[in-house]
Structures are given as C-alpha cells and as structure tokens.
PDB file of N, CA and C in Angstrom:
ATOM      1  N   UNK A   1      -4.174   9.417  -3.361  1.00  0.00           N
ATOM      2  CA  UNK A   1      -4.405   8.160  -4.049  1.00  0.00           C
ATOM      3  C   UNK A   1      -5.400   7.284  -3.274  1.00  0.00           C
ATOM      4  N   UNK A   2      -5.195   7.181  -1.979  1.00  0.00           N
ATOM      5  CA  UNK A   2      -6.093   6.449  -1.096  1.00  0.00           C
ATOM      6  C   UNK A   2      -6.499   7.412   0.025  1.00  0.00           C
ATOM      7  N   UNK A   3      -7.777   7.565   0.220  1.00  0.00           N
ATOM      8  CA  UNK A   3      -8.224   8.442   1.306  1.00  0.00           C
ATOM      9  C   UNK A   3      -8.288   7.645   2.610  1.00  0.00           C
ATOM     10  N   UNK A   4      -8.320   8.381   3.692  1.00  0.00           N
ATOM     11  CA  UNK A   4      -8.460   7.743   4.996  1.00  0.00           C
ATOM     12  C   UNK A   4      -9.753   6.941   5.062  1.00  0.00           C
ATOM     13  N   UNK A   5     -10.827   7.496   4.530  1.00  0.00           N
ATOM     14  CA  UNK A   5     -12.118   6.789   4.556  1.00  0.00           C
ATOM     15  C   UNK A   5     -12.075   5.494   3.751  1.00  0.00           C
ATOM     16  N   UNK A   6     -11.406   5.516   2.593  1.00  0.00           N
ATOM     17  CA  UNK A   6     -11.273   4.290   1.799  1.00  0.00           C
ATOM     18  C   UNK A   6     -10.501   3.227   2.575  1.00  0.00           C
ATOM     19  N   UNK A   7      -9.414   3.643   3.191  1.00  0.00           N
ATOM     20  CA  UNK A   7      -8.600   2.697   3.946  1.00  0.00           C
ATOM     21  C   UNK A   7      -9.381   2.143   5.137  1.00  0.00           C
ATOM     22  N   UNK A   8     -10.098   3.000   5.848  1.00  0.00           N
ATOM     23  CA  UNK A   8     -10.862   2.544   7.002  1.00  0.00           C
ATOM     24  C   UNK A   8     -11.979   1.590   6.584  1.00  0.00           C
ATOM     25  N   UNK A   9     -12.595   1.835   5.451  1.00  0.00           N
ATOM     26  CA  UNK A   9     -13.606   0.914   4.936  1.00  0.00           C
ATOM     27  C   UNK A   9     -12.970  -0.426   4.610  1.00  0.00           C
ATOM     28  N   UNK A  10     -11.820  -0.413   3.931  1.00  0.00           N
ATOM     29  CA  UNK A  10     -11.099  -1.636   3.578  1.00  0.00           C
ATOM     30  C   UNK A  10     -10.682  -2.401   4.839  1.00  0.00           C
ATOM     31  N   UNK A  11     -10.264  -1.661   5.865  1.00  0.00           N
ATOM     32  CA  UNK A  11      -9.825  -2.277   7.122  1.00  0.00           C
ATOM     33  C   UNK A  11     -10.984  -2.645   8.041  1.00  0.00           C
ATOM     34  N   UNK A  12     -12.174  -2.174   7.698  1.00  0.00           N
ATOM     35  CA  UNK A  12     -13.371  -2.351   8.534  1.00  0.00           C
ATOM     36  C   UNK A  12     -13.179  -1.720   9.910  1.00  0.00           C
ATOM     37  N   UNK A  13     -12.640  -0.516   9.888  1.00  0.00           N
ATOM     38  CA  UNK A  13     -12.444   0.267  11.104  1.00  0.00           C
ATOM     39  C   UNK A  13     -13.501   1.357  11.114  1.00  0.00           C
ATOM     40  N   UNK A  14     -14.252   1.434  12.195  1.00  0.00           N
ATOM     41  CA  UNK A  14     -15.309   2.446  12.259  1.00  0.00           C
ATOM     42  C   UNK A  14     -15.138   3.401  13.434  1.00  0.00           C
ATOM     43  N   UNK A  15     -13.923   3.545  13.913  1.00  0.00           N
ATOM     44  CA  UNK A  15     -13.624   4.489  14.984  1.00  0.00           C
ATOM     45  C   UNK A  15     -12.474   5.382  14.541  1.00  0.00           C
ATOM     46  N   UNK A  16     -12.294   6.500  15.226  1.00  0.00           N
ATOM     47  CA  UNK A  16     -11.311   7.499  14.809  1.00  0.00           C
ATOM     48  C   UNK A  16     -10.017   7.478  15.622  1.00  0.00           C
ATOM     49  N   UNK A  17      -9.903   6.588  16.561  1.00  0.00           N
ATOM     50  CA  UNK A  17      -8.753   6.567  17.469  1.00  0.00           C
ATOM     51  C   UNK A  17      -7.412   6.376  16.755  1.00  0.00           C
ATOM     52  N   UNK A  18      -7.405   5.658  15.660  1.00  0.00           N
ATOM     53  CA  UNK A  18      -6.150   5.317  14.988  1.00  0.00           C
ATOM     54  C   UNK A  18      -5.984   6.009  13.636  1.00  0.00           C
ATOM     55  N   UNK A  19      -6.702   7.091  13.414  1.00  0.00           N
ATOM     56  CA  UNK A  19      -6.641   7.787  12.127  1.00  0.00           C
ATOM     57  C   UNK A  19      -5.224   8.228  11.767  1.00  0.00           C
ATOM     58  N   UNK A  20      -4.511   8.772  12.726  1.00  0.00           N
ATOM     59  CA  UNK A  20      -3.152   9.249  12.457  1.00  0.00           C
ATOM     60  C   UNK A  20      -2.243   8.091  12.044  1.00  0.00           C
ATOM     61  N   UNK A  21      -2.351   6.969  12.738  1.00  0.00           N
ATOM     62  CA  UNK A  21      -1.544   5.805  12.388  1.00  0.00           C
ATOM     63  C   UNK A  21      -1.925   5.265  11.008  1.00  0.00           C
ATOM     64  N   UNK A  22      -3.207   5.196  10.722  1.00  0.00           N
ATOM     65  CA  UNK A  22      -3.652   4.693   9.417  1.00  0.00           C
ATOM     66  C   UNK A  22      -3.168   5.615   8.301  1.00  0.00           C
ATOM     67  N   UNK A  23      -3.228   6.925   8.511  1.00  0.00           N
ATOM     68  CA  UNK A  23      -2.689   7.854   7.517  1.00  0.00           C
ATOM     69  C   UNK A  23      -1.201   7.621   7.286  1.00  0.00           C
ATOM     70  N   UNK A  24      -0.460   7.363   8.357  1.00  0.00           N
ATOM     71  CA  UNK A  24       0.972   7.068   8.224  1.00  0.00           C
ATOM     72  C   UNK A  24       1.199   5.775   7.451  1.00  0.00           C
ATOM     73  N   UNK A  25       0.379   4.771   7.730  1.00  0.00           N
ATOM     74  CA  UNK A  25       0.496   3.497   7.012  1.00  0.00           C
ATOM     75  C   UNK A  25       0.178   3.673   5.531  1.00  0.00           C
ATOM     76  N   UNK A  26      -0.811   4.496   5.219  1.00  0.00           N
ATOM     77  CA  UNK A  26      -1.154   4.762   3.816  1.00  0.00           C
ATOM     78  C   UNK A  26       0.042   5.388   3.104  1.00  0.00           C
ATOM     79  N   UNK A  27       0.637   6.413   3.703  1.00  0.00           N
ATOM     80  CA  UNK A  27       1.760   7.097   3.064  1.00  0.00           C
ATOM     81  C   UNK A  27       2.961   6.173   2.919  1.00  0.00           C
ATOM     82  N   UNK A  28       3.243   5.377   3.937  1.00  0.00           N
ATOM     83  CA  UNK A  28       4.344   4.411   3.848  1.00  0.00           C
ATOM     84  C   UNK A  28       4.078   3.387   2.755  1.00  0.00           C
ATOM     85  N   UNK A  29       2.840   2.949   2.655  1.00  0.00           N
ATOM     86  CA  UNK A  29       2.473   1.967   1.634  1.00  0.00           C
ATOM     87  C   UNK A  29       2.611   2.539   0.233  1.00  0.00           C
ATOM     88  N   UNK A  30       2.183   3.778   0.052  1.00  0.00           N
ATOM     89  CA  UNK A  30       2.330   4.426  -1.259  1.00  0.00           C
ATOM     90  C   UNK A  30       3.801   4.516  -1.633  1.00  0.00           C
ATOM     91  N   UNK A  31       4.631   4.986  -0.713  1.00  0.00           N
ATOM     92  CA  UNK A  31       6.061   5.128  -0.996  1.00  0.00           C
ATOM     93  C   UNK A  31       6.711   3.779  -1.295  1.00  0.00           C
ATOM     94  N   UNK A  32       6.365   2.775  -0.525  1.00  0.00           N
ATOM     95  CA  UNK A  32       6.961   1.461  -0.750  1.00  0.00           C
ATOM     96  C   UNK A  32       6.494   0.860  -2.082  1.00  0.00           C
ATOM     97  N   UNK A  33       5.217   1.002  -2.387  1.00  0.00           N
ATOM     98  CA  UNK A  33       4.697   0.476  -3.658  1.00  0.00           C
ATOM     99  C   UNK A  33       5.318   1.196  -4.846  1.00  0.00           C
ATOM    100  N   UNK A  34       5.573   2.492  -4.714  1.00  0.00           N
ATOM    101  CA  UNK A  34       6.276   3.224  -5.774  1.00  0.00           C
ATOM    102  C   UNK A  34       7.669   2.636  -5.971  1.00  0.00           C
ATOM    103  N   UNK A  35       8.345   2.315  -4.880  1.00  0.00           N
ATOM    104  CA  UNK A  35       9.679   1.719  -4.976  1.00  0.00           C
ATOM    105  C   UNK A  35       9.626   0.340  -5.623  1.00  0.00           C
ATOM    106  N   UNK A  36       8.667  -0.474  -5.226  1.00  0.00           N
ATOM    107  CA  UNK A  36       8.546  -1.821  -5.792  1.00  0.00           C
ATOM    108  C   UNK A  36       8.239  -1.747  -7.285  1.00  0.00           C
ATOM    109  N   UNK A  37       7.343  -0.831  -7.654  1.00  0.00           N
ATOM    110  CA  UNK A  37       6.971  -0.681  -9.070  1.00  0.00           C
ATOM    111  C   UNK A  37       8.009   0.105  -9.860  1.00  0.00           C
ATOM    112  N   UNK A  38       8.923   0.741  -9.139  1.00  0.00           N
ATOM    113  CA  UNK A  38       9.967   1.560  -9.761  1.00  0.00           C
ATOM    114  C   UNK A  38       9.364   2.707 -10.569  1.00  0.00           C
ATOM    115  N   UNK A  39       8.424   3.403  -9.954  1.00  0.00           N
ATOM    116  CA  UNK A  39       7.835   4.591 -10.563  1.00  0.00           C
ATOM    117  C   UNK A  39       8.121   5.786  -9.666  1.00  0.00           C
ATOM    118  N   UNK A  40       8.051   6.965 -10.252  1.00  0.00           N
ATOM    119  CA  UNK A  40       8.429   8.180  -9.541  1.00  0.00           C
ATOM    120  C   UNK A  40       7.271   8.930  -8.895  1.00  0.00           C
ATOM    121  N   UNK A  41       6.045   8.629  -9.292  1.00  0.00           N
ATOM    122  CA  UNK A  41       4.929   9.446  -8.811  1.00  0.00           C
ATOM    123  C   UNK A  41       3.744   8.593  -8.375  1.00  0.00           C
ATOM    124  N   UNK A  42       2.944   9.173  -7.497  1.00  0.00           N
ATOM    125  CA  UNK A  42       1.697   8.526  -7.092  1.00  0.00           C
ATOM    126  C   UNK A  42       0.770   8.370  -8.287  1.00  0.00           C
ATOM    127  N   UNK A  43       0.803   9.344  -9.179  1.00  0.00           N
ATOM    128  CA  UNK A  43      -0.064   9.288 -10.360  1.00  0.00           C
ATOM    129  C   UNK A  43       0.224   8.057 -11.201  1.00  0.00           C
ATOM    130  N   UNK A  44       1.503   7.770 -11.415  1.00  0.00           N
ATOM    131  CA  UNK A  44       1.872   6.581 -12.195  1.00  0.00           C
ATOM    132  C   UNK A  44       1.378   5.318 -11.509  1.00  0.00           C
ATOM    133  N   UNK A  45       1.477   5.293 -10.188  1.00  0.00           N
ATOM    134  CA  UNK A  45       1.007   4.135  -9.430  1.00  0.00           C
ATOM    135  C   UNK A  45      -0.510   4.028  -9.481  1.00  0.00           C
ATOM    136  N   UNK A  46      -1.195   5.134  -9.330  1.00  0.00           N
ATOM    137  CA  UNK A  46      -2.664   5.105  -9.288  1.00  0.00           C
ATOM    138  C   UNK A  46      -3.296   4.870 -10.653  1.00  0.00           C
ATOM    139  N   UNK A  47      -2.553   5.086 -11.735  1.00  0.00           N
ATOM    140  CA  UNK A  47      -3.082   4.844 -13.080  1.00  0.00           C
ATOM    141  C   UNK A  47      -3.202   3.356 -13.395  1.00  0.00           C
ATOM    142  N   UNK A  48      -2.530   2.524 -12.619  1.00  0.00           N
ATOM    143  CA  UNK A  48      -2.610   1.083 -12.808  1.00  0.00           C
ATOM    144  C   UNK A  48      -3.642   0.525 -11.827  1.00  0.00           C
ATOM    145  N   UNK A  49      -4.586  -0.274 -12.290  1.00  0.00           N
ATOM    146  CA  UNK A  49      -5.613  -0.806 -11.391  1.00  0.00           C
ATOM    147  C   UNK A  49      -5.027  -1.558 -10.187  1.00  0.00           C
ATOM    148  N   UNK A  50      -3.921  -2.232 -10.384  1.00  0.00           N
ATOM    149  CA  UNK A  50      -3.314  -2.969  -9.281  1.00  0.00           C
ATOM    150  C   UNK A  50      -2.555  -2.068  -8.318  1.00  0.00           C
ATOM    151  N   UNK A  51      -2.258  -0.847  -8.724  1.00  0.00           N
ATOM    152  CA  UNK A  51      -1.545   0.073  -7.851  1.00  0.00           C
ATOM    153  C   UNK A  51      -2.337   0.381  -6.593  1.00  0.00           C
ATOM    154  N   UNK A  52      -3.598   0.694  -6.758  1.00  0.00           N
ATOM    155  CA  UNK A  52      -4.462   1.000  -5.616  1.00  0.00           C
ATOM    156  C   UNK A  52      -4.664  -0.232  -4.744  1.00  0.00           C
ATOM    157  N   UNK A  53      -4.843  -1.373  -5.371  1.00  0.00           N
ATOM    158  CA  UNK A  53      -5.011  -2.619  -4.627  1.00  0.00           C
ATOM    159  C   UNK A  53      -3.760  -2.921  -3.811  1.00  0.00           C
ATOM    160  N   UNK A  54      -2.589  -2.717  -4.406  1.00  0.00           N
ATOM    161  CA  UNK A  54      -1.330  -2.980  -3.702  1.00  0.00           C
ATOM    162  C   UNK A  54      -1.188  -2.070  -2.482  1.00  0.00           C
ATOM    163  N   UNK A  55      -1.547  -0.804  -2.627  1.00  0.00           N
ATOM    164  CA  UNK A  55      -1.448   0.131  -1.507  1.00  0.00           C
ATOM    165  C   UNK A  55      -2.434  -0.269  -0.403  1.00  0.00           C
ATOM    166  N   UNK A  56      -3.649  -0.600  -0.756  1.00  0.00           N
ATOM    167  CA  UNK A  56      -4.622  -1.034   0.242  1.00  0.00           C
ATOM    168  C   UNK A  56      -4.175  -2.327   0.923  1.00  0.00           C
ATOM    169  N   UNK A  57      -3.642  -3.255   0.133  1.00  0.00           N
ATOM    170  CA  UNK A  57      -3.165  -4.522   0.692  1.00  0.00           C
ATOM    171  C   UNK A  57      -2.050  -4.274   1.701  1.00  0.00           C
ATOM    172  N   UNK A  58      -1.076  -3.455   1.330  1.00  0.00           N
ATOM    173  CA  UNK A  58       0.041  -3.202   2.227  1.00  0.00           C
ATOM    174  C   UNK A  58      -0.424  -2.466   3.484  1.00  0.00           C
ATOM    175  N   UNK A  59      -1.305  -1.507   3.322  1.00  0.00           N
ATOM    176  CA  UNK A  59      -1.839  -0.786   4.475  1.00  0.00           C
ATOM    177  C   UNK A  59      -2.516  -1.758   5.441  1.00  0.00           C
ATOM    178  N   UNK A  60      -3.341  -2.637   4.908  1.00  0.00           N
ATOM    179  CA  UNK A  60      -4.042  -3.614   5.747  1.00  0.00           C
ATOM    180  C   UNK A  60      -3.056  -4.587   6.373  1.00  0.00           C
ATOM    181  N   UNK A  61      -2.074  -5.031   5.613  1.00  0.00           N
ATOM    182  CA  UNK A  61      -1.089  -5.979   6.141  1.00  0.00           C
ATOM    183  C   UNK A  61      -0.336  -5.362   7.320  1.00  0.00           C
ATOM    184  N   UNK A  62       0.131  -4.136   7.150  1.00  0.00           N
ATOM    185  CA  UNK A  62       0.869  -3.470   8.219  1.00  0.00           C
ATOM    186  C   UNK A  62      -0.025  -3.193   9.424  1.00  0.00           C
ATOM    187  N   UNK A  63      -1.275  -2.865   9.170  1.00  0.00           N
ATOM    188  CA  UNK A  63      -2.222  -2.599  10.267  1.00  0.00           C
ATOM    189  C   UNK A  63      -2.483  -3.871  11.072  1.00  0.00           C
ATOM    190  N   UNK A  64      -2.680  -4.970  10.367  1.00  0.00           N
ATOM    191  CA  UNK A  64      -3.050  -6.217  11.030  1.00  0.00           C
ATOM    192  C   UNK A  64      -1.856  -6.972  11.608  1.00  0.00           C
ATOM    193  N   UNK A  65      -0.653  -6.727  11.105  1.00  0.00           N
ATOM    194  CA  UNK A  65       0.552  -7.444  11.561  1.00  0.00           C
ATOM    195  C   UNK A  65       1.553  -6.472  12.167  1.00  0.00           C
ATOM    196  N   UNK A  66       1.091  -5.630  13.048  1.00  0.00           N
ATOM    197  CA  UNK A  66       1.950  -4.593  13.626  1.00  0.00           C
ATOM    198  C   UNK A  66       3.183  -5.158  14.299  1.00  0.00           C
ATOM    199  N   UNK A  67       3.062  -6.292  14.899  1.00  0.00           N
ATOM    200  CA  UNK A  67       4.178  -6.821  15.681  1.00  0.00           C
ATOM    201  C   UNK A  67       4.864  -7.999  15.032  1.00  0.00           C
ATOM    202  N   UNK A  68       4.268  -8.605  14.031  1.00  0.00           N
ATOM    203  CA  UNK A  68       4.855  -9.818  13.449  1.00  0.00           C
ATOM    204  C   UNK A  68       4.863  -9.799  11.922  1.00  0.00           C
ATOM    205  N   UNK A  69       5.084  -8.657  11.344  1.00  0.00           N
ATOM    206  CA  UNK A  69       5.055  -8.535   9.883  1.00  0.00           C
ATOM    207  C   UNK A  69       6.194  -9.327   9.245  1.00  0.00           C
ATOM    208  N   UNK A  70       5.875 -10.046   8.192  1.00  0.00           N
ATOM    209  CA  UNK A  70       6.861 -10.785   7.403  1.00  0.00           C
ATOM    210  C   UNK A  70       7.089  -9.980   6.127  1.00  0.00           C
ATOM    211  N   UNK A  71       8.110  -9.142   6.134  1.00  0.00           N
ATOM    212  CA  UNK A  71       8.342  -8.222   5.023  1.00  0.00           C
ATOM    213  C   UNK A  71       8.763  -8.934   3.745  1.00  0.00           C
ATOM    214  N   UNK A  72       9.378 -10.082   3.869  1.00  0.00           N
ATOM    215  CA  UNK A  72       9.731 -10.847   2.676  1.00  0.00           C
ATOM    216  C   UNK A  72       8.471 -11.323   1.959  1.00  0.00           C
ATOM    217  N   UNK A  73       7.545 -11.863   2.715  1.00  0.00           N
ATOM    218  CA  UNK A  73       6.269 -12.307   2.150  1.00  0.00           C
ATOM    219  C   UNK A  73       5.482 -11.124   1.581  1.00  0.00           C
ATOM    220  N   UNK A  74       5.473 -10.012   2.310  1.00  0.00           N
ATOM    221  CA  UNK A  74       4.787  -8.806   1.846  1.00  0.00           C
ATOM    222  C   UNK A  74       5.361  -8.334   0.520  1.00  0.00           C
ATOM    223  N   UNK A  75       6.677  -8.276   0.415  1.00  0.00           N
ATOM    224  CA  UNK A  75       7.309  -7.815  -0.824  1.00  0.00           C
ATOM    225  C   UNK A  75       7.051  -8.758  -1.992  1.00  0.00           C
ATOM    226  N   UNK A  76       7.011 -10.048  -1.744  1.00  0.00           N
ATOM    227  CA  UNK A  76       6.700 -10.998  -2.815  1.00  0.00           C
ATOM    228  C   UNK A  76       5.287 -10.763  -3.355  1.00  0.00           C
ATOM    229  N   UNK A  77       4.346 -10.524  -2.458  1.00  0.00           N
ATOM    230  CA  UNK A  77       2.969 -10.256  -2.882  1.00  0.00           C
ATOM    231  C   UNK A  77       2.890  -8.941  -3.657  1.00  0.00           C
ATOM    232  N   UNK A  78       3.570  -7.910  -3.170  1.00  0.00           N
ATOM    233  CA  UNK A  78       3.552  -6.620  -3.859  1.00  0.00           C
ATOM    234  C   UNK A  78       4.190  -6.730  -5.237  1.00  0.00           C
ATOM    235  N   UNK A  79       5.284  -7.454  -5.343  1.00  0.00           N
ATOM    236  CA  UNK A  79       5.921  -7.635  -6.662  1.00  0.00           C
ATOM    237  C   UNK A  79       4.983  -8.353  -7.623  1.00  0.00           C
ATOM    238  N   UNK A  80       4.245  -9.340  -7.125  1.00  0.00           N
ATOM    239  CA  UNK A  80       3.285 -10.047  -7.973  1.00  0.00           C
ATOM    240  C   UNK A  80       2.172  -9.107  -8.425  1.00  0.00           C
ATOM    241  N   UNK A  81       1.668  -8.285  -7.517  1.00  0.00           N
ATOM    242  CA  UNK A  81       0.602  -7.343  -7.867  1.00  0.00           C
ATOM    243  C   UNK A  81       1.077  -6.272  -8.843  1.00  0.00           C
ATOM    244  N   UNK A  82       2.313  -5.814  -8.682  1.00  0.00           N
ATOM    245  CA  UNK A  82       2.812  -4.673  -9.455  1.00  0.00           C
ATOM    246  C   UNK A  82       3.715  -5.078 -10.618  1.00  0.00           C
ATOM    247  N   UNK A  83       3.864  -6.376 -10.858  1.00  0.00           N
ATOM    248  CA  UNK A  83       4.784  -6.856 -11.881  1.00  0.00           C
ATOM    249  C   UNK A  83       4.505  -6.251 -13.254  1.00  0.00           C
ATOM    250  N   UNK A  84       3.246  -6.149 -13.620  1.00  0.00           N
ATOM    251  CA  UNK A  84       2.890  -5.651 -14.945  1.00  0.00           C
ATOM    252  C   UNK A  84       3.284  -4.220 -15.200  1.00  0.00           C
ATOM    253  N   UNK A  85       3.412  -3.427 -14.161  1.00  0.00           N
ATOM    254  CA  UNK A  85       3.779  -2.025 -14.357  1.00  0.00           C
ATOM    255  C   UNK A  85       5.217  -1.721 -13.941  1.00  0.00           C
ATOM    256  N   UNK A  86       5.891  -2.716 -13.389  1.00  0.00           N
ATOM    257  CA  UNK A  86       7.241  -2.506 -12.859  1.00  0.00           C
ATOM    258  C   UNK A  86       8.209  -2.181 -13.986  1.00  0.00           C
ATOM    259  N   UNK A  87       8.886  -1.049 -13.814  1.00  0.00           N
ATOM    260  CA  UNK A  87       9.883  -0.638 -14.811  1.00  0.00           C
ATOM    261  C   UNK A  87      11.137  -1.464 -14.647  1.00  0.00           C
ATOM    262  N   UNK A  88      11.844  -1.689 -15.723  1.00  0.00           N
ATOM    263  CA  UNK A  88      13.063  -2.504 -15.686  1.00  0.00           C
ATOM    264  C   UNK A  88      14.140  -1.868 -14.822  1.00  0.00           C
ATOM    265  N   UNK A  89      14.174  -0.553 -14.782  1.00  0.00           N
ATOM    266  CA  UNK A  89      15.168   0.141 -13.966  1.00  0.00           C
ATOM    267  C   UNK A  89      14.608   1.483 -13.557  1.00  0.00           C
ATOM    268  N   UNK A  90      15.195   2.071 -12.530  1.00  0.00           N
ATOM    269  CA  UNK A  90      14.783   3.385 -12.067  1.00  0.00           C
ATOM    270  C   UNK A  90      15.242   4.438 -13.035  1.00  0.00           C
TER     271      UNK A  90
END
C-alpha cells in the first residue's frame, strides 16, 4: 500500500540507516488504520483516498514522536481521516 520510498519521501529522509524501522512503522500504521476504519484488508483501506493519507500521517507521527507520542490525539486524527469509510461494526 505504501512503499518505503514513498514513506521516506513523505518523511523527507534521504538516508538508509532507518529503513528497517520505517518499514515497521509503515506496517504498524497500516494495521492500526485498518482497525480504526474497521476493514479487513489493505485493499479496502487503499481504495479510499484518505486511507493512504492516514497511513502516511501515522507513519510520520510515530517517526517524529518516538518518545512522546500522544496516542489519543493520533487516534482522533485517524478517526477524522477515516470516518467516511469506517464500518459501523467489524
């Protein structure tokens, strides 16, 4: 859904030292956004224009706030981004 190169461009990272961590953040972001949107697949998430934005946003947020992340604020933003596609129930 999001490639390492896309994420690094979004993060403005031009070195390879943290590729493994960024890949982990991408996967965590995809899984969390799927949970917030209450969808079962990456495809369902990626079919919505805000799905990709939400994953990039979360990846950047986690990258930039490694030690002081406010998960309540993060979840509120993700819910706002994914509200239109959020299923009523799992």
